[in-house]
Amino acid sequence: FKKALAGDQHYQDFFILREEPTDWVSKFGGSAWSPFGDTGK
């Protein structure tokens, strides 16, 4: 995760990243999306 956050595309491919979050809800409540650092994703 830290490598992905640092900009390593190889590791970013391990995660589902979006510029616009959907309305999906986490099983624990609230949005299922969180900001990916300062990337705008």
PDB file of all heavy atoms in Angstrom:
ATOM      1  N   PHE A   1       0.845  -1.197   0.000  1.00  0.00           N
ATOM      2  CA  PHE A   1       0.000   0.000   0.000  1.00  0.00           C
ATOM      3  C   PHE A   1       0.877   1.243   0.000  1.00  0.00           C
ATOM      4  O   PHE A   1       0.617   2.203  -0.725  1.00  0.00           O
ATOM      5  CB  PHE A   1      -0.950  -0.009   1.200  1.00  0.00           C
ATOM      6  CG  PHE A   1      -2.003   1.060   1.120  1.00  0.00           C
ATOM      7  CD1 PHE A   1      -3.183   0.842   0.444  1.00  0.00           C
ATOM      8  CD2 PHE A   1      -1.805   2.287   1.725  1.00  0.00           C
ATOM      9  CE1 PHE A   1      -4.165   1.825   0.360  1.00  0.00           C
ATOM     10  CE2 PHE A   1      -2.774   3.278   1.653  1.00  0.00           C
ATOM     11  CZ  PHE A   1      -3.952   3.050   0.968  1.00  0.00           C
ATOM     12  N   LYS A   2       1.911   1.225   0.812  1.00  0.00           N
ATOM     13  CA  LYS A   2       2.805   2.384   0.898  1.00  0.00           C
ATOM     14  C   LYS A   2       3.515   2.639  -0.431  1.00  0.00           C
ATOM     15  O   LYS A   2       3.660   3.790  -0.853  1.00  0.00           O
ATOM     16  CB  LYS A   2       3.810   2.195   2.027  1.00  0.00           C
ATOM     17  CG  LYS A   2       3.161   2.294   3.398  1.00  0.00           C
ATOM     18  CD  LYS A   2       4.165   2.101   4.503  1.00  0.00           C
ATOM     19  CE  LYS A   2       3.502   2.247   5.865  1.00  0.00           C
ATOM     20  NZ  LYS A   2       4.469   2.103   6.960  1.00  0.00           N
ATOM     21  N   LYS A   3       3.923   1.571  -1.114  1.00  0.00           N
ATOM     22  CA  LYS A   3       4.561   1.735  -2.430  1.00  0.00           C
ATOM     23  C   LYS A   3       3.560   2.283  -3.451  1.00  0.00           C
ATOM     24  O   LYS A   3       3.909   3.129  -4.275  1.00  0.00           O
ATOM     25  CB  LYS A   3       5.153   0.411  -2.908  1.00  0.00           C
ATOM     26  CG  LYS A   3       6.427   0.039  -2.188  1.00  0.00           C
ATOM     27  CD  LYS A   3       7.022  -1.243  -2.747  1.00  0.00           C
ATOM     28  CE  LYS A   3       8.355  -1.542  -2.074  1.00  0.00           C
ATOM     29  NZ  LYS A   3       9.010  -2.722  -2.643  1.00  0.00           N
ATOM     30  N   ALA A   4       2.330   1.788  -3.380  1.00  0.00           N
ATOM     31  CA  ALA A   4       1.284   2.294  -4.281  1.00  0.00           C
ATOM     32  C   ALA A   4       1.043   3.772  -4.019  1.00  0.00           C
ATOM     33  O   ALA A   4       0.955   4.577  -4.956  1.00  0.00           O
ATOM     34  CB  ALA A   4      -0.003   1.498  -4.088  1.00  0.00           C
ATOM     35  N   LEU A   5       0.958   4.131  -2.772  1.00  0.00           N
ATOM     36  CA  LEU A   5       0.714   5.523  -2.387  1.00  0.00           C
ATOM     37  C   LEU A   5       1.873   6.423  -2.825  1.00  0.00           C
ATOM     38  O   LEU A   5       1.667   7.587  -3.176  1.00  0.00           O
ATOM     39  CB  LEU A   5       0.510   5.600  -0.875  1.00  0.00           C
ATOM     40  CG  LEU A   5      -0.063   6.879  -0.310  1.00  0.00           C
ATOM     41  CD1 LEU A   5      -1.397   7.230  -0.973  1.00  0.00           C
ATOM     42  CD2 LEU A   5      -0.255   6.735   1.191  1.00  0.00           C
ATOM     43  N   ALA A   6       3.080   5.860  -2.849  1.00  0.00           N
ATOM     44  CA  ALA A   6       4.259   6.616  -3.271  1.00  0.00           C
ATOM     45  C   ALA A   6       4.328   6.784  -4.792  1.00  0.00           C
ATOM     46  O   ALA A   6       5.209   7.458  -5.303  1.00  0.00           O
ATOM     47  CB  ALA A   6       5.521   5.936  -2.764  1.00  0.00           C
ATOM     48  N   GLY A   7       3.377   6.153  -5.516  1.00  0.00           N
ATOM     49  CA  GLY A   7       3.308   6.342  -6.956  1.00  0.00           C
ATOM     50  C   GLY A   7       3.755   5.168  -7.801  1.00  0.00           C
ATOM     51  O   GLY A   7       3.764   5.267  -9.032  1.00  0.00           O
ATOM     52  N   ASP A   8       4.112   4.056  -7.183  1.00  0.00           N
ATOM     53  CA  ASP A   8       4.559   2.879  -7.938  1.00  0.00           C
ATOM     54  C   ASP A   8       3.354   2.237  -8.631  1.00  0.00           C
ATOM     55  O   ASP A   8       2.501   1.636  -7.991  1.00  0.00           O
ATOM     56  CB  ASP A   8       5.227   1.884  -6.996  1.00  0.00           C
ATOM     57  CG  ASP A   8       5.920   0.738  -7.723  1.00  0.00           C
ATOM     58  OD1 ASP A   8       5.363   0.263  -8.740  1.00  0.00           O
ATOM     59  OD2 ASP A   8       6.996   0.327  -7.265  1.00  0.00           O
ATOM     60  N   GLN A   9       3.281   2.374  -9.957  1.00  0.00           N
ATOM     61  CA  GLN A   9       2.141   1.876 -10.737  1.00  0.00           C
ATOM     62  C   GLN A   9       1.948   0.381 -10.570  1.00  0.00           C
ATOM     63  O   GLN A   9       0.816  -0.107 -10.541  1.00  0.00           O
ATOM     64  CB  GLN A   9       2.301   2.224 -12.218  1.00  0.00           C
ATOM     65  CG  GLN A   9       1.107   1.859 -13.068  1.00  0.00           C
ATOM     66  CD  GLN A   9      -0.150   2.611 -12.659  1.00  0.00           C
ATOM     67  OE1 GLN A   9      -0.139   3.821 -12.536  1.00  0.00           O
ATOM     68  NE2 GLN A   9      -1.247   1.890 -12.453  1.00  0.00           N
ATOM     69  N   HIS A  10       3.048  -0.367 -10.474  1.00  0.00           N
ATOM     70  CA  HIS A  10       2.951  -1.819 -10.288  1.00  0.00           C
ATOM     71  C   HIS A  10       2.094  -2.134  -9.067  1.00  0.00           C
ATOM     72  O   HIS A  10       1.199  -2.974  -9.130  1.00  0.00           O
ATOM     73  CB  HIS A  10       4.348  -2.422 -10.149  1.00  0.00           C
ATOM     74  CG  HIS A  10       4.346  -3.882  -9.800  1.00  0.00           C
ATOM     75  ND1 HIS A  10       4.035  -4.862 -10.728  1.00  0.00           N
ATOM     76  CD2 HIS A  10       4.587  -4.525  -8.638  1.00  0.00           C
ATOM     77  CE1 HIS A  10       4.101  -6.046 -10.145  1.00  0.00           C
ATOM     78  NE2 HIS A  10       4.436  -5.882  -8.874  1.00  0.00           N
ATOM     79  N   TYR A  11       2.340  -1.461  -7.968  1.00  0.00           N
ATOM     80  CA  TYR A  11       1.589  -1.715  -6.738  1.00  0.00           C
ATOM     81  C   TYR A  11       0.218  -1.053  -6.756  1.00  0.00           C
ATOM     82  O   TYR A  11      -0.715  -1.546  -6.134  1.00  0.00           O
ATOM     83  CB  TYR A  11       2.409  -1.296  -5.516  1.00  0.00           C
ATOM     84  CG  TYR A  11       3.578  -2.219  -5.295  1.00  0.00           C
ATOM     85  CD1 TYR A  11       4.839  -1.900  -5.780  1.00  0.00           C
ATOM     86  CD2 TYR A  11       3.410  -3.439  -4.655  1.00  0.00           C
ATOM     87  CE1 TYR A  11       5.907  -2.764  -5.613  1.00  0.00           C
ATOM     88  CE2 TYR A  11       4.473  -4.317  -4.484  1.00  0.00           C
ATOM     89  CZ  TYR A  11       5.714  -3.974  -4.965  1.00  0.00           C
ATOM     90  OH  TYR A  11       6.764  -4.841  -4.802  1.00  0.00           O
ATOM     91  N   GLN A  12       0.069   0.039  -7.475  1.00  0.00           N
ATOM     92  CA  GLN A  12      -1.255   0.651  -7.592  1.00  0.00           C
ATOM     93  C   GLN A  12      -2.233  -0.287  -8.274  1.00  0.00           C
ATOM     94  O   GLN A  12      -3.422  -0.276  -7.971  1.00  0.00           O
ATOM     95  CB  GLN A  12      -1.175   1.980  -8.349  1.00  0.00           C
ATOM     96  CG  GLN A  12      -0.581   3.085  -7.512  1.00  0.00           C
ATOM     97  CD  GLN A  12      -0.580   4.417  -8.220  1.00  0.00           C
ATOM     98  OE1 GLN A  12      -1.066   4.560  -9.352  1.00  0.00           O
ATOM     99  NE2 GLN A  12      -0.040   5.432  -7.563  1.00  0.00           N
ATOM    100  N   ASP A  13      -1.712  -1.141  -9.145  1.00  0.00           N
ATOM    101  CA  ASP A  13      -2.569  -2.109  -9.825  1.00  0.00           C
ATOM    102  C   ASP A  13      -3.124  -3.170  -8.884  1.00  0.00           C
ATOM    103  O   ASP A  13      -4.041  -3.894  -9.236  1.00  0.00           O
ATOM    104  CB  ASP A  13      -1.821  -2.788 -10.975  1.00  0.00           C
ATOM    105  CG  ASP A  13      -1.582  -1.857 -12.153  1.00  0.00           C
ATOM    106  OD1 ASP A  13      -2.249  -0.795 -12.226  1.00  0.00           O
ATOM    107  OD2 ASP A  13      -0.728  -2.179 -12.997  1.00  0.00           O
ATOM    108  N   PHE A  14      -2.585  -3.263  -7.674  1.00  0.00           N
ATOM    109  CA  PHE A  14      -3.077  -4.222  -6.683  1.00  0.00           C
ATOM    110  C   PHE A  14      -4.363  -3.728  -6.014  1.00  0.00           C
ATOM    111  O   PHE A  14      -5.034  -4.494  -5.333  1.00  0.00           O
ATOM    112  CB  PHE A  14      -2.043  -4.453  -5.579  1.00  0.00           C
ATOM    113  CG  PHE A  14      -0.788  -5.153  -6.011  1.00  0.00           C
ATOM    114  CD1 PHE A  14      -0.573  -5.574  -7.315  1.00  0.00           C
ATOM    115  CD2 PHE A  14       0.205  -5.402  -5.088  1.00  0.00           C
ATOM    116  CE1 PHE A  14       0.593  -6.223  -7.689  1.00  0.00           C
ATOM    117  CE2 PHE A  14       1.375  -6.060  -5.448  1.00  0.00           C
ATOM    118  CZ  PHE A  14       1.561  -6.464  -6.752  1.00  0.00           C
ATOM    119  N   PHE A  15      -4.688  -2.461  -6.191  1.00  0.00           N
ATOM    120  CA  PHE A  15      -5.817  -1.845  -5.486  1.00  0.00           C
ATOM    121  C   PHE A  15      -6.833  -1.293  -6.475  1.00  0.00           C
ATOM    122  O   PHE A  15      -6.530  -1.082  -7.643  1.00  0.00           O
ATOM    123  CB  PHE A  15      -5.299  -0.717  -4.582  1.00  0.00           C
ATOM    124  CG  PHE A  15      -4.282  -1.194  -3.587  1.00  0.00           C
ATOM    125  CD1 PHE A  15      -2.929  -1.113  -3.869  1.00  0.00           C
ATOM    126  CD2 PHE A  15      -4.675  -1.776  -2.400  1.00  0.00           C
ATOM    127  CE1 PHE A  15      -1.980  -1.586  -2.970  1.00  0.00           C
ATOM    128  CE2 PHE A  15      -3.749  -2.258  -1.499  1.00  0.00           C
ATOM    129  CZ  PHE A  15      -2.393  -2.165  -1.784  1.00  0.00           C
ATOM    130  N   ILE A  16      -8.041  -1.067  -5.989  1.00  0.00           N
ATOM    131  CA  ILE A  16      -9.074  -0.450  -6.820  1.00  0.00           C
ATOM    132  C   ILE A  16      -9.063   1.034  -6.493  1.00  0.00           C
ATOM    133  O   ILE A  16      -9.451   1.449  -5.390  1.00  0.00           O
ATOM    134  CB  ILE A  16     -10.454  -1.086  -6.563  1.00  0.00           C
ATOM    135  CG1 ILE A  16     -10.406  -2.569  -6.920  1.00  0.00           C
ATOM    136  CG2 ILE A  16     -11.525  -0.350  -7.358  1.00  0.00           C
ATOM    137  CD1 ILE A  16     -11.681  -3.328  -6.619  1.00  0.00           C
ATOM    138  N   LEU A  17      -8.579   1.801  -7.450  1.00  0.00           N
ATOM    139  CA  LEU A  17      -8.453   3.249  -7.290  1.00  0.00           C
ATOM    140  C   LEU A  17      -9.364   3.940  -8.297  1.00  0.00           C
ATOM    141  O   LEU A  17      -9.471   3.517  -9.439  1.00  0.00           O
ATOM    142  CB  LEU A  17      -7.009   3.688  -7.526  1.00  0.00           C
ATOM    143  CG  LEU A  17      -5.940   3.025  -6.665  1.00  0.00           C
ATOM    144  CD1 LEU A  17      -4.550   3.473  -7.112  1.00  0.00           C
ATOM    145  CD2 LEU A  17      -6.162   3.334  -5.196  1.00  0.00           C
ATOM    146  N   ARG A  18     -10.004   4.998  -7.866  1.00  0.00           N
ATOM    147  CA  ARG A  18     -10.901   5.766  -8.732  1.00  0.00           C
ATOM    148  C   ARG A  18     -10.735   7.258  -8.455  1.00  0.00           C
ATOM    149  O   ARG A  18     -10.489   7.657  -7.327  1.00  0.00           O
ATOM    150  CB  ARG A  18     -12.371   5.403  -8.483  1.00  0.00           C
ATOM    151  CG  ARG A  18     -12.747   3.965  -8.776  1.00  0.00           C
ATOM    152  CD  ARG A  18     -12.829   3.726 -10.277  1.00  0.00           C
ATOM    153  NE  ARG A  18     -13.272   2.392 -10.573  1.00  0.00           N
ATOM    154  CZ  ARG A  18     -12.481   1.350 -10.773  1.00  0.00           C
ATOM    155  NH1 ARG A  18     -11.190   1.482 -10.661  1.00  0.00           N
ATOM    156  NH2 ARG A  18     -12.956   0.161 -11.066  1.00  0.00           N
ATOM    157  N   GLU A  19     -10.902   8.057  -9.494  1.00  0.00           N
ATOM    158  CA  GLU A  19     -10.878   9.510  -9.289  1.00  0.00           C
ATOM    159  C   GLU A  19     -12.209   9.995  -8.735  1.00  0.00           C
ATOM    160  O   GLU A  19     -12.256  10.985  -8.012  1.00  0.00           O
ATOM    161  CB  GLU A  19     -10.516  10.215 -10.590  1.00  0.00           C
ATOM    162  CG  GLU A  19      -9.077   9.930 -10.980  1.00  0.00           C
ATOM    163  CD  GLU A  19      -8.594  10.735 -12.152  1.00  0.00           C
ATOM    164  OE1 GLU A  19      -9.219  11.752 -12.495  1.00  0.00           O
ATOM    165  OE2 GLU A  19      -7.564  10.345 -12.718  1.00  0.00           O
ATOM    166  N   GLU A  20     -13.281   9.296  -9.074  1.00  0.00           N
ATOM    167  CA  GLU A  20     -14.611   9.622  -8.558  1.00  0.00           C
ATOM    168  C   GLU A  20     -15.153   8.410  -7.814  1.00  0.00           C
ATOM    169  O   GLU A  20     -15.367   7.361  -8.421  1.00  0.00           O
ATOM    170  CB  GLU A  20     -15.560   9.981  -9.701  1.00  0.00           C
ATOM    171  CG  GLU A  20     -15.213  11.261 -10.420  1.00  0.00           C
ATOM    172  CD  GLU A  20     -15.479  12.491  -9.580  1.00  0.00           C
ATOM    173  OE1 GLU A  20     -16.440  12.476  -8.770  1.00  0.00           O
ATOM    174  OE2 GLU A  20     -14.718  13.457  -9.722  1.00  0.00           O
ATOM    175  N   PRO A  21     -15.373   8.520  -6.512  1.00  0.00           N
ATOM    176  CA  PRO A  21     -15.917   7.367  -5.778  1.00  0.00           C
ATOM    177  C   PRO A  21     -17.374   7.103  -6.139  1.00  0.00           C
ATOM    178  O   PRO A  21     -18.089   8.003  -6.571  1.00  0.00           O
ATOM    179  CB  PRO A  21     -15.784   7.788  -4.311  1.00  0.00           C
ATOM    180  CG  PRO A  21     -15.782   9.275  -4.341  1.00  0.00           C
ATOM    181  CD  PRO A  21     -15.161   9.672  -5.647  1.00  0.00           C
ATOM    182  N   THR A  22     -17.779   5.860  -5.995  1.00  0.00           N
ATOM    183  CA  THR A  22     -19.178   5.502  -6.207  1.00  0.00           C
ATOM    184  C   THR A  22     -19.937   5.728  -4.902  1.00  0.00           C
ATOM    185  O   THR A  22     -19.370   6.186  -3.913  1.00  0.00           O
ATOM    186  CB  THR A  22     -19.302   4.017  -6.604  1.00  0.00           C
ATOM    187  OG1 THR A  22     -18.883   3.210  -5.500  1.00  0.00           O
ATOM    188  CG2 THR A  22     -18.469   3.698  -7.840  1.00  0.00           C
ATOM    189  N   ASP A  23     -21.195   5.356  -4.883  1.00  0.00           N
ATOM    190  CA  ASP A  23     -22.000   5.490  -3.666  1.00  0.00           C
ATOM    191  C   ASP A  23     -21.976   4.211  -2.821  1.00  0.00           C
ATOM    192  O   ASP A  23     -22.812   4.018  -1.961  1.00  0.00           O
ATOM    193  CB  ASP A  23     -23.435   5.880  -4.015  1.00  0.00           C
ATOM    194  CG  ASP A  23     -24.139   4.848  -4.877  1.00  0.00           C
ATOM    195  OD1 ASP A  23     -23.496   3.869  -5.319  1.00  0.00           O
ATOM    196  OD2 ASP A  23     -25.343   5.015  -5.113  1.00  0.00           O
ATOM    197  N   TRP A  24     -21.007   3.351  -3.057  1.00  0.00           N
ATOM    198  CA  TRP A  24     -20.921   2.098  -2.315  1.00  0.00           C
ATOM    199  C   TRP A  24     -20.698   2.375  -0.835  1.00  0.00           C
ATOM    200  O   TRP A  24     -19.989   3.302  -0.459  1.00  0.00           O
ATOM    201  CB  TRP A  24     -19.797   1.232  -2.827  1.00  0.00           C
ATOM    202  CG  TRP A  24     -19.996   0.683  -4.215  1.00  0.00           C
ATOM    203  CD1 TRP A  24     -21.063   0.908  -5.045  1.00  0.00           C
ATOM    204  CD2 TRP A  24     -19.112  -0.159  -4.928  1.00  0.00           C
ATOM    205  NE1 TRP A  24     -20.886   0.250  -6.224  1.00  0.00           N
ATOM    206  CE2 TRP A  24     -19.693  -0.418  -6.183  1.00  0.00           C
ATOM    207  CE3 TRP A  24     -17.885  -0.714  -4.639  1.00  0.00           C
ATOM    208  CZ2 TRP A  24     -19.088  -1.212  -7.127  1.00  0.00           C
ATOM    209  CZ3 TRP A  24     -17.277  -1.520  -5.587  1.00  0.00           C
ATOM    210  CH2 TRP A  24     -17.879  -1.764  -6.818  1.00  0.00           C
ATOM    211  N   VAL A  25     -21.296   1.517  -0.012  1.00  0.00           N
ATOM    212  CA  VAL A  25     -21.205   1.661   1.438  1.00  0.00           C
ATOM    213  C   VAL A  25     -20.357   0.534   2.007  1.00  0.00           C
ATOM    214  O   VAL A  25     -20.499  -0.625   1.618  1.00  0.00           O
ATOM    215  CB  VAL A  25     -22.621   1.647   2.070  1.00  0.00           C
ATOM    216  CG1 VAL A  25     -22.544   1.719   3.580  1.00  0.00           C
ATOM    217  CG2 VAL A  25     -23.448   2.802   1.517  1.00  0.00           C
ATOM    218  N   SER A  26     -19.506   0.868   2.948  1.00  0.00           N
ATOM    219  CA  SER A  26     -18.677  -0.114   3.637  1.00  0.00           C
ATOM    220  C   SER A  26     -19.553  -1.017   4.489  1.00  0.00           C
ATOM    221  O   SER A  26     -20.611  -0.606   4.970  1.00  0.00           O
ATOM    222  CB  SER A  26     -17.673   0.621   4.539  1.00  0.00           C
ATOM    223  OG  SER A  26     -17.124  -0.234   5.505  1.00  0.00           O
ATOM    224  N   LYS A  27     -19.116  -2.254   4.695  1.00  0.00           N
ATOM    225  CA  LYS A  27     -19.859  -3.179   5.560  1.00  0.00           C
ATOM    226  C   LYS A  27     -19.922  -2.651   6.990  1.00  0.00           C
ATOM    227  O   LYS A  27     -20.786  -3.046   7.758  1.00  0.00           O
ATOM    228  CB  LYS A  27     -19.204  -4.569   5.565  1.00  0.00           C
ATOM    229  CG  LYS A  27     -19.136  -5.217   4.215  1.00  0.00           C
ATOM    230  CD  LYS A  27     -20.501  -5.601   3.716  1.00  0.00           C
ATOM    231  CE  LYS A  27     -20.377  -6.341   2.396  1.00  0.00           C
ATOM    232  NZ  LYS A  27     -21.644  -6.523   1.732  1.00  0.00           N
ATOM    233  N   PHE A  28     -18.998  -1.753   7.341  1.00  0.00           N
ATOM    234  CA  PHE A  28     -18.978  -1.172   8.679  1.00  0.00           C
ATOM    235  C   PHE A  28     -19.671   0.187   8.719  1.00  0.00           C
ATOM    236  O   PHE A  28     -19.623   0.889   9.717  1.00  0.00           O
ATOM    237  CB  PHE A  28     -17.546  -1.037   9.183  1.00  0.00           C
ATOM    238  CG  PHE A  28     -16.836  -2.354   9.393  1.00  0.00           C
ATOM    239  CD1 PHE A  28     -15.464  -2.417   9.387  1.00  0.00           C
ATOM    240  CD2 PHE A  28     -17.543  -3.529   9.603  1.00  0.00           C
ATOM    241  CE1 PHE A  28     -14.797  -3.622   9.589  1.00  0.00           C
ATOM    242  CE2 PHE A  28     -16.893  -4.741   9.803  1.00  0.00           C
ATOM    243  CZ  PHE A  28     -15.510  -4.776   9.797  1.00  0.00           C
ATOM    244  N   GLY A  29     -20.301   0.590   7.615  1.00  0.00           N
ATOM    245  CA  GLY A  29     -21.003   1.865   7.550  1.00  0.00           C
ATOM    246  C   GLY A  29     -20.140   2.944   6.924  1.00  0.00           C
ATOM    247  O   GLY A  29     -18.916   2.870   6.932  1.00  0.00           O
ATOM    248  N   GLY A  30     -20.791   3.931   6.350  1.00  0.00           N
ATOM    249  CA  GLY A  30     -20.070   5.014   5.689  1.00  0.00           C
ATOM    250  C   GLY A  30     -19.594   4.609   4.311  1.00  0.00           C
ATOM    251  O   GLY A  30     -19.840   3.499   3.846  1.00  0.00           O
ATOM    252  N   SER A  31     -18.920   5.527   3.679  1.00  0.00           N
ATOM    253  CA  SER A  31     -18.440   5.295   2.328  1.00  0.00           C
ATOM    254  C   SER A  31     -17.417   4.164   2.284  1.00  0.00           C
ATOM    255  O   SER A  31     -16.623   3.985   3.206  1.00  0.00           O
ATOM    256  CB  SER A  31     -17.799   6.571   1.773  1.00  0.00           C
ATOM    257  OG  SER A  31     -17.281   6.330   0.478  1.00  0.00           O
ATOM    258  N   ALA A  32     -17.444   3.414   1.192  1.00  0.00           N
ATOM    259  CA  ALA A  32     -16.462   2.346   0.979  1.00  0.00           C
ATOM    260  C   ALA A  32     -15.207   2.892   0.293  1.00  0.00           C
ATOM    261  O   ALA A  32     -14.348   2.131  -0.126  1.00  0.00           O
ATOM    262  CB  ALA A  32     -17.080   1.229   0.140  1.00  0.00           C
ATOM    263  N   TRP A  33     -15.122   4.200   0.186  1.00  0.00           N
ATOM    264  CA  TRP A  33     -13.992   4.853  -0.478  1.00  0.00           C
ATOM    265  C   TRP A  33     -13.338   5.849   0.467  1.00  0.00           C
ATOM    266  O   TRP A  33     -14.027   6.563   1.192  1.00  0.00           O
ATOM    267  CB  TRP A  33     -14.471   5.595  -1.721  1.00  0.00           C
ATOM    268  CG  TRP A  33     -15.074   4.707  -2.749  1.00  0.00           C
ATOM    269  CD1 TRP A  33     -16.391   4.352  -2.856  1.00  0.00           C
ATOM    270  CD2 TRP A  33     -14.402   4.030  -3.801  1.00  0.00           C
ATOM    271  NE1 TRP A  33     -16.566   3.509  -3.918  1.00  0.00           N
ATOM    272  CE2 TRP A  33     -15.360   3.294  -4.520  1.00  0.00           C
ATOM    273  CE3 TRP A  33     -13.072   3.980  -4.214  1.00  0.00           C
ATOM    274  CZ2 TRP A  33     -15.034   2.515  -5.623  1.00  0.00           C
ATOM    275  CZ3 TRP A  33     -12.756   3.205  -5.321  1.00  0.00           C
ATOM    276  CH2 TRP A  33     -13.724   2.486  -6.012  1.00  0.00           C
ATOM    277  N   SER A  34     -12.013   5.891   0.431  1.00  0.00           N
ATOM    278  CA  SER A  34     -11.262   6.875   1.214  1.00  0.00           C
ATOM    279  C   SER A  34     -10.228   7.527   0.311  1.00  0.00           C
ATOM    280  O   SER A  34      -9.755   6.905  -0.653  1.00  0.00           O
ATOM    281  CB  SER A  34     -10.548   6.215   2.397  1.00  0.00           C
ATOM    282  OG  SER A  34     -11.460   5.885   3.402  1.00  0.00           O
ATOM    283  N   PRO A  35      -9.870   8.775   0.624  1.00  0.00           N
ATOM    284  CA  PRO A  35      -8.840   9.438  -0.186  1.00  0.00           C
ATOM    285  C   PRO A  35      -7.537   8.643  -0.195  1.00  0.00           C
ATOM    286  O   PRO A  35      -7.100   8.135   0.834  1.00  0.00           O
ATOM    287  CB  PRO A  35      -8.650  10.785   0.517  1.00  0.00           C
ATOM    288  CG  PRO A  35      -9.932  11.012   1.250  1.00  0.00           C
ATOM    289  CD  PRO A  35     -10.392   9.643   1.677  1.00  0.00           C
ATOM    290  N   PHE A  36      -6.946   8.546  -1.354  1.00  0.00           N
ATOM    291  CA  PHE A  36      -5.684   7.836  -1.542  1.00  0.00           C
ATOM    292  C   PHE A  36      -4.556   8.863  -1.435  1.00  0.00           C
ATOM    293  O   PHE A  36      -4.033   9.352  -2.437  1.00  0.00           O
ATOM    294  CB  PHE A  36      -5.690   7.134  -2.903  1.00  0.00           C
ATOM    295  CG  PHE A  36      -4.555   6.190  -3.126  1.00  0.00           C
ATOM    296  CD1 PHE A  36      -4.343   5.106  -2.296  1.00  0.00           C
ATOM    297  CD2 PHE A  36      -3.692   6.373  -4.199  1.00  0.00           C
ATOM    298  CE1 PHE A  36      -3.301   4.223  -2.511  1.00  0.00           C
ATOM    299  CE2 PHE A  36      -2.644   5.492  -4.431  1.00  0.00           C
ATOM    300  CZ  PHE A  36      -2.448   4.427  -3.579  1.00  0.00           C
ATOM    301  N   GLY A  37      -4.240   9.222  -0.210  1.00  0.00           N
ATOM    302  CA  GLY A  37      -3.222  10.236   0.042  1.00  0.00           C
ATOM    303  C   GLY A  37      -3.607  11.558  -0.592  1.00  0.00           C
ATOM    304  O   GLY A  37      -4.775  11.952  -0.564  1.00  0.00           O
ATOM    305  N   ASP A  38      -2.644  12.226  -1.190  1.00  0.00           N
ATOM    306  CA  ASP A  38      -2.876  13.514  -1.859  1.00  0.00           C
ATOM    307  C   ASP A  38      -2.927  13.359  -3.375  1.00  0.00           C
ATOM    308  O   ASP A  38      -2.658  14.305  -4.105  1.00  0.00           O
ATOM    309  CB  ASP A  38      -1.763  14.505  -1.479  1.00  0.00           C
ATOM    310  CG  ASP A  38      -1.775  14.837  -0.004  1.00  0.00           C
ATOM    311  OD1 ASP A  38      -2.867  14.874   0.590  1.00  0.00           O
ATOM    312  OD2 ASP A  38      -0.679  15.055   0.553  1.00  0.00           O
ATOM    313  N   THR A  39      -3.287  12.160  -3.845  1.00  0.00           N
ATOM    314  CA  THR A  39      -3.256  11.863  -5.283  1.00  0.00           C
ATOM    315  C   THR A  39      -4.492  12.349  -6.031  1.00  0.00           C
ATOM    316  O   THR A  39      -4.504  12.350  -7.251  1.00  0.00           O
ATOM    317  CB  THR A  39      -3.137  10.350  -5.517  1.00  0.00           C
ATOM    318  OG1 THR A  39      -4.324   9.709  -5.031  1.00  0.00           O
ATOM    319  CG2 THR A  39      -1.918   9.766  -4.820  1.00  0.00           C
ATOM    320  N   GLY A  40      -5.535  12.713  -5.296  1.00  0.00           N
ATOM    321  CA  GLY A  40      -6.793  13.069  -5.939  1.00  0.00           C
ATOM    322  C   GLY A  40      -7.641  11.852  -6.269  1.00  0.00           C
ATOM    323  O   GLY A  40      -8.709  11.967  -6.861  1.00  0.00           O
ATOM    324  N   LYS A  41      -7.152  10.673  -5.894  1.00  0.00           N
ATOM    325  CA  LYS A  41      -7.883   9.430  -6.129  1.00  0.00           C
ATOM    326  C   LYS A  41      -8.422   8.898  -4.806  1.00  0.00           C
ATOM    327  O   LYS A  41      -8.053   9.367  -3.731  1.00  0.00           O
ATOM    328  CB  LYS A  41      -6.970   8.385  -6.766  1.00  0.00           C
ATOM    329  CG  LYS A  41      -6.496   8.760  -8.151  1.00  0.00           C
ATOM    330  CD  LYS A  41      -5.616   7.684  -8.730  1.00  0.00           C
ATOM    331  CE  LYS A  41      -5.125   8.077 -10.115  1.00  0.00           C
ATOM    332  NZ  LYS A  41      -4.260   7.048 -10.692  1.00  0.00           N
TER     333      LYS A  41
END
